[in-house]
Amino acid sequence: MPREFSPKIVTASDLLGGDVIYLTEDDRWSRDLADAEVITDEAHAQLRLLSAERQTNVVIGAYLADVIPSEDGPQPTHFREDFR
């Protein structure tokens, strides 16, 4: 039985500065996790990730990270994301 899709964000490293950055709903990159687009649809998440991966002049290592939506913006579910 397939696992239920959990909310995700697209995160990567800034190519020039190395900072952790997050893809926003309006296609910007932000250093603030609260600005990240929370994606609740698996197909949309894959499209957003593909879009991020094509931005090789801006980011490196784009991937989807699990989050929990909250009033203060998305909160990481894994210590790796919390640490970053």
PDB file of N, CA and C in Angstrom:
ATOM      1  N   MET A   1       0.840  -1.173   0.000  1.00  0.00           N
ATOM      2  CA  MET A   1       0.000   0.000   0.000  1.00  0.00           C
ATOM      3  C   MET A   1       0.893   1.247   0.000  1.00  0.00           C
ATOM      4  N   PRO A   2       0.648   2.183  -0.913  1.00  0.00           N
ATOM      5  CA  PRO A   2       1.477   3.389  -0.987  1.00  0.00           C
ATOM      6  C   PRO A   2       1.340   4.248   0.265  1.00  0.00           C
ATOM      7  N   ARG A   3       2.449   4.869   0.622  1.00  0.00           N
ATOM      8  CA  ARG A   3       2.472   5.776   1.762  1.00  0.00           C
ATOM      9  C   ARG A   3       1.796   7.088   1.396  1.00  0.00           C
ATOM     10  N   GLU A   4       1.079   7.677   2.334  1.00  0.00           N
ATOM     11  CA  GLU A   4       0.432   8.966   2.110  1.00  0.00           C
ATOM     12  C   GLU A   4       1.506  10.051   1.931  1.00  0.00           C
ATOM     13  N   PHE A   5       1.273  10.951   0.994  1.00  0.00           N
ATOM     14  CA  PHE A   5       2.220  12.034   0.732  1.00  0.00           C
ATOM     15  C   PHE A   5       2.172  13.039   1.879  1.00  0.00           C
ATOM     16  N   SER A   6       3.334  13.389   2.393  1.00  0.00           N
ATOM     17  CA  SER A   6       3.404  14.389   3.466  1.00  0.00           C
ATOM     18  C   SER A   6       3.878  15.716   2.882  1.00  0.00           C
ATOM     19  N   PRO A   7       3.514  16.847   3.508  1.00  0.00           N
ATOM     20  CA  PRO A   7       3.912  18.162   2.988  1.00  0.00           C
ATOM     21  C   PRO A   7       5.428  18.268   2.840  1.00  0.00           C
ATOM     22  N   LYS A   8       5.835  18.978   1.778  1.00  0.00           N
ATOM     23  CA  LYS A   8       7.252  19.121   1.451  1.00  0.00           C
ATOM     24  C   LYS A   8       7.572  20.580   1.109  1.00  0.00           C
ATOM     25  N   ILE A   9       8.872  20.880   1.149  1.00  0.00           N
ATOM     26  CA  ILE A   9       9.413  22.116   0.607  1.00  0.00           C
ATOM     27  C   ILE A   9      10.563  21.732  -0.318  1.00  0.00           C
ATOM     28  N   VAL A  10      10.938  22.645  -1.206  1.00  0.00           N
ATOM     29  CA  VAL A  10      12.125  22.450  -2.033  1.00  0.00           C
ATOM     30  C   VAL A  10      13.247  23.261  -1.392  1.00  0.00           C
ATOM     31  N   THR A  11      14.347  22.597  -1.102  1.00  0.00           N
ATOM     32  CA  THR A  11      15.500  23.256  -0.511  1.00  0.00           C
ATOM     33  C   THR A  11      16.745  22.913  -1.328  1.00  0.00           C
ATOM     34  N   ALA A  12      17.740  23.777  -1.230  1.00  0.00           N
ATOM     35  CA  ALA A  12      18.993  23.583  -1.970  1.00  0.00           C
ATOM     36  C   ALA A  12      20.072  24.423  -1.301  1.00  0.00           C
ATOM     37  N   SER A  13      21.249  24.403  -1.887  1.00  0.00           N
ATOM     38  CA  SER A  13      22.333  25.279  -1.451  1.00  0.00           C
ATOM     39  C   SER A  13      22.559  26.331  -2.525  1.00  0.00           C
ATOM     40  N   ASP A  14      22.748  27.565  -2.086  1.00  0.00           N
ATOM     41  CA  ASP A  14      23.064  28.651  -3.002  1.00  0.00           C
ATOM     42  C   ASP A  14      24.402  28.343  -3.669  1.00  0.00           C
ATOM     43  N   LEU A  15      24.452  28.387  -4.972  1.00  0.00           N
ATOM     44  CA  LEU A  15      25.645  28.006  -5.707  1.00  0.00           C
ATOM     45  C   LEU A  15      26.852  28.874  -5.354  1.00  0.00           C
ATOM     46  N   LEU A  16      26.657  30.165  -5.235  1.00  0.00           N
ATOM     47  CA  LEU A  16      27.787  31.058  -4.987  1.00  0.00           C
ATOM     48  C   LEU A  16      28.139  31.189  -3.512  1.00  0.00           C
ATOM     49  N   GLY A  17      27.122  31.295  -2.651  1.00  0.00           N
ATOM     50  CA  GLY A  17      27.386  31.527  -1.233  1.00  0.00           C
ATOM     51  C   GLY A  17      27.387  30.289  -0.373  1.00  0.00           C
ATOM     52  N   GLY A  18      26.761  29.217  -0.856  1.00  0.00           N
ATOM     53  CA  GLY A  18      26.687  27.990  -0.082  1.00  0.00           C
ATOM     54  C   GLY A  18      25.603  27.962   0.969  1.00  0.00           C
ATOM     55  N   ASP A  19      24.855  29.064   1.107  1.00  0.00           N
ATOM     56  CA  ASP A  19      23.791  29.118   2.113  1.00  0.00           C
ATOM     57  C   ASP A  19      22.652  28.174   1.760  1.00  0.00           C
ATOM     58  N   VAL A  20      21.938  27.723   2.779  1.00  0.00           N
ATOM     59  CA  VAL A  20      20.723  26.938   2.582  1.00  0.00           C
ATOM     60  C   VAL A  20      19.642  27.906   2.114  1.00  0.00           C
ATOM     61  N   ILE A  21      18.947  27.527   1.050  1.00  0.00           N
ATOM     62  CA  ILE A  21      17.878  28.365   0.521  1.00  0.00           C
ATOM     63  C   ILE A  21      16.643  27.520   0.243  1.00  0.00           C
ATOM     64  N   TYR A  22      15.499  28.208   0.151  1.00  0.00           N
ATOM     65  CA  TYR A  22      14.209  27.545   0.010  1.00  0.00           C
ATOM     66  C   TYR A  22      13.441  28.183  -1.142  1.00  0.00           C
ATOM     67  N   LEU A  23      12.775  27.357  -1.941  1.00  0.00           N
ATOM     68  CA  LEU A  23      11.989  27.847  -3.063  1.00  0.00           C
ATOM     69  C   LEU A  23      10.653  28.388  -2.555  1.00  0.00           C
ATOM     70  N   THR A  24      10.315  29.592  -2.989  1.00  0.00           N
ATOM     71  CA  THR A  24       9.057  30.217  -2.577  1.00  0.00           C
ATOM     72  C   THR A  24       7.983  29.962  -3.624  1.00  0.00           C
ATOM     73  N   GLU A  25       6.752  30.251  -3.256  1.00  0.00           N
ATOM     74  CA  GLU A  25       5.627  30.036  -4.158  1.00  0.00           C
ATOM     75  C   GLU A  25       5.742  30.880  -5.427  1.00  0.00           C
ATOM     76  N   ASP A  26       6.376  32.053  -5.316  1.00  0.00           N
ATOM     77  CA  ASP A  26       6.521  32.934  -6.483  1.00  0.00           C
ATOM     78  C   ASP A  26       7.874  32.765  -7.181  1.00  0.00           C
ATOM     79  N   ASP A  27       8.471  31.589  -7.049  1.00  0.00           N
ATOM     80  CA  ASP A  27       9.692  31.195  -7.764  1.00  0.00           C
ATOM     81  C   ASP A  27      10.941  31.990  -7.393  1.00  0.00           C
ATOM     82  N   ARG A  28      10.998  32.488  -6.186  1.00  0.00           N
ATOM     83  CA  ARG A  28      12.218  33.114  -5.683  1.00  0.00           C
ATOM     84  C   ARG A  28      12.914  32.108  -4.778  1.00  0.00           C
ATOM     85  N   TRP A  29      14.158  32.372  -4.458  1.00  0.00           N
ATOM     86  CA  TRP A  29      14.895  31.600  -3.456  1.00  0.00           C
ATOM     87  C   TRP A  29      15.062  32.482  -2.241  1.00  0.00           C
ATOM     88  N   SER A  30      14.772  31.946  -1.062  1.00  0.00           N
ATOM     89  CA  SER A  30      14.866  32.701   0.181  1.00  0.00           C
ATOM     90  C   SER A  30      15.736  31.943   1.181  1.00  0.00           C
ATOM     91  N   ARG A  31      16.429  32.680   2.015  1.00  0.00           N
ATOM     92  CA  ARG A  31      17.210  32.068   3.091  1.00  0.00           C
ATOM     93  C   ARG A  31      16.355  31.830   4.336  1.00  0.00           C
ATOM     94  N   ASP A  32      15.104  32.276   4.285  1.00  0.00           N
ATOM     95  CA  ASP A  32      14.188  32.166   5.419  1.00  0.00           C
ATOM     96  C   ASP A  32      13.205  31.013   5.191  1.00  0.00           C
ATOM     97  N   LEU A  33      13.269  30.006   6.042  1.00  0.00           N
ATOM     98  CA  LEU A  33      12.383  28.845   5.917  1.00  0.00           C
ATOM     99  C   LEU A  33      10.909  29.245   5.921  1.00  0.00           C
ATOM    100  N   ALA A  34      10.560  30.298   6.654  1.00  0.00           N
ATOM    101  CA  ALA A  34       9.163  30.741   6.723  1.00  0.00           C
ATOM    102  C   ALA A  34       8.618  31.159   5.361  1.00  0.00           C
ATOM    103  N   ASP A  35       9.495  31.516   4.424  1.00  0.00           N
ATOM    104  CA  ASP A  35       9.077  31.927   3.081  1.00  0.00           C
ATOM    105  C   ASP A  35       8.844  30.756   2.134  1.00  0.00           C
ATOM    106  N   ALA A  36       9.260  29.562   2.509  1.00  0.00           N
ATOM    107  CA  ALA A  36       9.205  28.407   1.610  1.00  0.00           C
ATOM    108  C   ALA A  36       7.769  28.029   1.261  1.00  0.00           C
ATOM    109  N   GLU A  37       7.589  27.626   0.013  1.00  0.00           N
ATOM    110  CA  GLU A  37       6.294  27.108  -0.434  1.00  0.00           C
ATOM    111  C   GLU A  37       6.086  25.717   0.158  1.00  0.00           C
ATOM    112  N   VAL A  38       4.979  25.521   0.864  1.00  0.00           N
ATOM    113  CA  VAL A  38       4.630  24.198   1.385  1.00  0.00           C
ATOM    114  C   VAL A  38       3.799  23.504   0.315  1.00  0.00           C
ATOM    115  N   ILE A  39       4.280  22.357  -0.128  1.00  0.00           N
ATOM    116  CA  ILE A  39       3.666  21.623  -1.231  1.00  0.00           C
ATOM    117  C   ILE A  39       2.965  20.393  -0.669  1.00  0.00           C
ATOM    118  N   THR A  40       1.678  20.266  -0.979  1.00  0.00           N
ATOM    119  CA  THR A  40       0.894  19.162  -0.428  1.00  0.00           C
ATOM    120  C   THR A  40       0.477  18.138  -1.485  1.00  0.00           C
ATOM    121  N   ASP A  41       0.860  18.367  -2.731  1.00  0.00           N
ATOM    122  CA  ASP A  41       0.514  17.460  -3.818  1.00  0.00           C
ATOM    123  C   ASP A  41       1.796  16.848  -4.391  1.00  0.00           C
ATOM    124  N   GLU A  42       1.839  15.541  -4.483  1.00  0.00           N
ATOM    125  CA  GLU A  42       3.060  14.856  -4.911  1.00  0.00           C
ATOM    126  C   GLU A  42       3.487  15.227  -6.324  1.00  0.00           C
ATOM    127  N   ALA A  43       2.544  15.306  -7.256  1.00  0.00           N
ATOM    128  CA  ALA A  43       2.892  15.658  -8.636  1.00  0.00           C
ATOM    129  C   ALA A  43       3.436  17.082  -8.702  1.00  0.00           C
ATOM    130  N   HIS A  44       2.811  17.991  -7.979  1.00  0.00           N
ATOM    131  CA  HIS A  44       3.285  19.387  -7.948  1.00  0.00           C
ATOM    132  C   HIS A  44       4.679  19.455  -7.324  1.00  0.00           C
ATOM    133  N   ALA A  45       4.915  18.663  -6.301  1.00  0.00           N
ATOM    134  CA  ALA A  45       6.230  18.637  -5.649  1.00  0.00           C
ATOM    135  C   ALA A  45       7.307  18.191  -6.641  1.00  0.00           C
ATOM    136  N   GLN A  46       7.017  17.188  -7.424  1.00  0.00           N
ATOM    137  CA  GLN A  46       7.988  16.706  -8.407  1.00  0.00           C
ATOM    138  C   GLN A  46       8.266  17.758  -9.481  1.00  0.00           C
ATOM    139  N   LEU A  47       7.228  18.471  -9.919  1.00  0.00           N
ATOM    140  CA  LEU A  47       7.420  19.538 -10.908  1.00  0.00           C
ATOM    141  C   LEU A  47       8.264  20.673 -10.341  1.00  0.00           C
ATOM    142  N   ARG A  48       8.013  21.050  -9.085  1.00  0.00           N
ATOM    143  CA  ARG A  48       8.777  22.131  -8.456  1.00  0.00           C
ATOM    144  C   ARG A  48      10.239  21.721  -8.286  1.00  0.00           C
ATOM    145  N   LEU A  49      10.465  20.452  -7.925  1.00  0.00           N
ATOM    146  CA  LEU A  49      11.830  19.959  -7.781  1.00  0.00           C
ATOM    147  C   LEU A  49      12.549  19.973  -9.136  1.00  0.00           C
ATOM    148  N   LEU A  50      11.891  19.521 -10.182  1.00  0.00           N
ATOM    149  CA  LEU A  50      12.499  19.545 -11.513  1.00  0.00           C
ATOM    150  C   LEU A  50      12.855  20.967 -11.927  1.00  0.00           C
ATOM    151  N   SER A  51      11.969  21.900 -11.635  1.00  0.00           N
ATOM    152  CA  SER A  51      12.238  23.306 -11.945  1.00  0.00           C
ATOM    153  C   SER A  51      13.473  23.793 -11.194  1.00  0.00           C
ATOM    154  N   ALA A  52      13.589  23.438  -9.935  1.00  0.00           N
ATOM    155  CA  ALA A  52      14.740  23.848  -9.121  1.00  0.00           C
ATOM    156  C   ALA A  52      16.028  23.216  -9.642  1.00  0.00           C
ATOM    157  N   GLU A  53      15.974  21.955  -9.991  1.00  0.00           N
ATOM    158  CA  GLU A  53      17.162  21.249 -10.470  1.00  0.00           C
ATOM    159  C   GLU A  53      17.691  21.823 -11.781  1.00  0.00           C
ATOM    160  N   ARG A  54      16.820  22.455 -12.561  1.00  0.00           N
ATOM    161  CA  ARG A  54      17.248  23.069 -13.827  1.00  0.00           C
ATOM    162  C   ARG A  54      17.953  24.407 -13.604  1.00  0.00           C
ATOM    163  N   GLN A  55      17.905  24.944 -12.411  1.00  0.00           N
ATOM    164  CA  GLN A  55      18.512  26.243 -12.117  1.00  0.00           C
ATOM    165  C   GLN A  55      19.965  26.064 -11.679  1.00  0.00           C
ATOM    166  N   THR A  56      20.733  25.418 -12.514  1.00  0.00           N
ATOM    167  CA  THR A  56      22.114  25.078 -12.172  1.00  0.00           C
ATOM    168  C   THR A  56      23.025  26.298 -12.044  1.00  0.00           C
ATOM    169  N   ASN A  57      22.586  27.440 -12.522  1.00  0.00           N
ATOM    170  CA  ASN A  57      23.367  28.669 -12.369  1.00  0.00           C
ATOM    171  C   ASN A  57      23.077  29.371 -11.048  1.00  0.00           C
ATOM    172  N   VAL A  58      22.119  28.828 -10.271  1.00  0.00           N
ATOM    173  CA  VAL A  58      21.706  29.457  -9.014  1.00  0.00           C
ATOM    174  C   VAL A  58      21.884  28.526  -7.822  1.00  0.00           C
ATOM    175  N   VAL A  59      21.498  27.250  -7.987  1.00  0.00           N
ATOM    176  CA  VAL A  59      21.480  26.324  -6.846  1.00  0.00           C
ATOM    177  C   VAL A  59      22.207  25.027  -7.164  1.00  0.00           C
ATOM    178  N   ILE A  60      22.511  24.316  -6.093  1.00  0.00           N
ATOM    179  CA  ILE A  60      23.112  22.981  -6.206  1.00  0.00           C
ATOM    180  C   ILE A  60      22.456  22.088  -5.149  1.00  0.00           C
ATOM    181  N   GLY A  61      22.233  20.843  -5.506  1.00  0.00           N
ATOM    182  CA  GLY A  61      21.729  19.861  -4.550  1.00  0.00           C
ATOM    183  C   GLY A  61      20.286  20.054  -4.122  1.00  0.00           C
ATOM    184  N   ALA A  62      19.422  20.449  -5.038  1.00  0.00           N
ATOM    185  CA  ALA A  62      18.006  20.639  -4.694  1.00  0.00           C
ATOM    186  C   ALA A  62      17.360  19.308  -4.331  1.00  0.00           C
ATOM    187  N   TYR A  63      16.512  19.339  -3.314  1.00  0.00           N
ATOM    188  CA  TYR A  63      15.758  18.141  -2.942  1.00  0.00           C
ATOM    189  C   TYR A  63      14.493  18.537  -2.186  1.00  0.00           C
ATOM    190  N   LEU A  64      13.587  17.577  -2.016  1.00  0.00           N
ATOM    191  CA  LEU A  64      12.358  17.782  -1.261  1.00  0.00           C
ATOM    192  C   LEU A  64      12.594  17.400   0.194  1.00  0.00           C
ATOM    193  N   ALA A  65      12.132  18.248   1.095  1.00  0.00           N
ATOM    194  CA  ALA A  65      12.268  17.984   2.531  1.00  0.00           C
ATOM    195  C   ALA A  65      10.882  17.979   3.172  1.00  0.00           C
ATOM    196  N   ASP A  66      10.658  17.034   4.066  1.00  0.00           N
ATOM    197  CA  ASP A  66       9.392  16.959   4.797  1.00  0.00           C
ATOM    198  C   ASP A  66       9.275  18.107   5.782  1.00  0.00           C
ATOM    199  N   VAL A  67       8.069  18.658   5.882  1.00  0.00           N
ATOM    200  CA  VAL A  67       7.789  19.725   6.841  1.00  0.00           C
ATOM    201  C   VAL A  67       6.406  19.527   7.434  1.00  0.00           C
ATOM    202  N   ILE A  68       6.183  20.241   8.522  1.00  0.00           N
ATOM    203  CA  ILE A  68       4.858  20.337   9.131  1.00  0.00           C
ATOM    204  C   ILE A  68       4.435  21.793   9.011  1.00  0.00           C
ATOM    205  N   PRO A  69       3.313  22.070   8.324  1.00  0.00           N
ATOM    206  CA  PRO A  69       2.850  23.456   8.233  1.00  0.00           C
ATOM    207  C   PRO A  69       2.454  23.979   9.619  1.00  0.00           C
ATOM    208  N   SER A  70       2.744  25.258   9.872  1.00  0.00           N
ATOM    209  CA  SER A  70       2.339  25.875  11.132  1.00  0.00           C
ATOM    210  C   SER A  70       2.047  27.350  10.892  1.00  0.00           C
ATOM    211  N   GLU A  71       1.540  28.030  11.914  1.00  0.00           N
ATOM    212  CA  GLU A  71       1.247  29.464  11.803  1.00  0.00           C
ATOM    213  C   GLU A  71       2.507  30.265  11.515  1.00  0.00           C
ATOM    214  N   ASP A  72       3.658  29.791  11.985  1.00  0.00           N
ATOM    215  CA  ASP A  72       4.923  30.495  11.808  1.00  0.00           C
ATOM    216  C   ASP A  72       5.668  30.052  10.552  1.00  0.00           C
ATOM    217  N   GLY A  73       5.016  29.317   9.693  1.00  0.00           N
ATOM    218  CA  GLY A  73       5.656  28.795   8.492  1.00  0.00           C
ATOM    219  C   GLY A  73       5.996  27.332   8.684  1.00  0.00           C
ATOM    220  N   PRO A  74       6.576  26.721   7.666  1.00  0.00           N
ATOM    221  CA  PRO A  74       6.875  25.289   7.742  1.00  0.00           C
ATOM    222  C   PRO A  74       7.929  24.987   8.804  1.00  0.00           C
ATOM    223  N   GLN A  75       7.736  23.858   9.482  1.00  0.00           N
ATOM    224  CA  GLN A  75       8.686  23.400  10.493  1.00  0.00           C
ATOM    225  C   GLN A  75       9.265  22.066  10.040  1.00  0.00           C
ATOM    226  N   PRO A  76      10.582  21.909  10.114  1.00  0.00           N
ATOM    227  CA  PRO A  76      11.201  20.654   9.664  1.00  0.00           C
ATOM    228  C   PRO A  76      10.775  19.462  10.522  1.00  0.00           C
ATOM    229  N   THR A  77      10.710  18.291   9.893  1.00  0.00           N
ATOM    230  CA  THR A  77      10.353  17.078  10.630  1.00  0.00           C
ATOM    231  C   THR A  77      11.576  16.218  10.928  1.00  0.00           C
ATOM    232  N   HIS A  78      12.694  16.542  10.309  1.00  0.00           N
ATOM    233  CA  HIS A  78      13.900  15.741  10.480  1.00  0.00           C
ATOM    234  C   HIS A  78      15.015  16.612  11.032  1.00  0.00           C
ATOM    235  N   PHE A  79      15.836  16.055  11.903  1.00  0.00           N
ATOM    236  CA  PHE A  79      16.892  16.843  12.529  1.00  0.00           C
ATOM    237  C   PHE A  79      17.864  17.424  11.498  1.00  0.00           C
ATOM    238  N   ARG A  80      18.034  16.752  10.362  1.00  0.00           N
ATOM    239  CA  ARG A  80      18.932  17.279   9.334  1.00  0.00           C
ATOM    240  C   ARG A  80      18.474  18.661   8.869  1.00  0.00           C
ATOM    241  N   GLU A  81      17.169  18.802   8.620  1.00  0.00           N
ATOM    242  CA  GLU A  81      16.631  20.076   8.150  1.00  0.00           C
ATOM    243  C   GLU A  81      16.662  21.120   9.269  1.00  0.00           C
ATOM    244  N   ASP A  82      16.421  20.686  10.478  1.00  0.00           N
ATOM    245  CA  ASP A  82      16.459  21.606  11.621  1.00  0.00           C
ATOM    246  C   ASP A  82      17.881  22.133  11.820  1.00  0.00           C
ATOM    247  N   PHE A  83      18.857  21.270  11.618  1.00  0.00           N
ATOM    248  CA  PHE A  83      20.249  21.627  11.762  1.00  0.00           C
ATOM    249  C   PHE A  83      20.707  22.593  10.673  1.00  0.00           C
ATOM    250  N   ARG A  84      20.243  22.354   9.448  1.00  0.00           N
ATOM    251  CA  ARG A  84      20.629  23.199   8.315  1.00  0.00           C
ATOM    252  C   ARG A  84      20.137  24.593   8.564  1.00  0.00           C
TER     253      ARG A  84
END
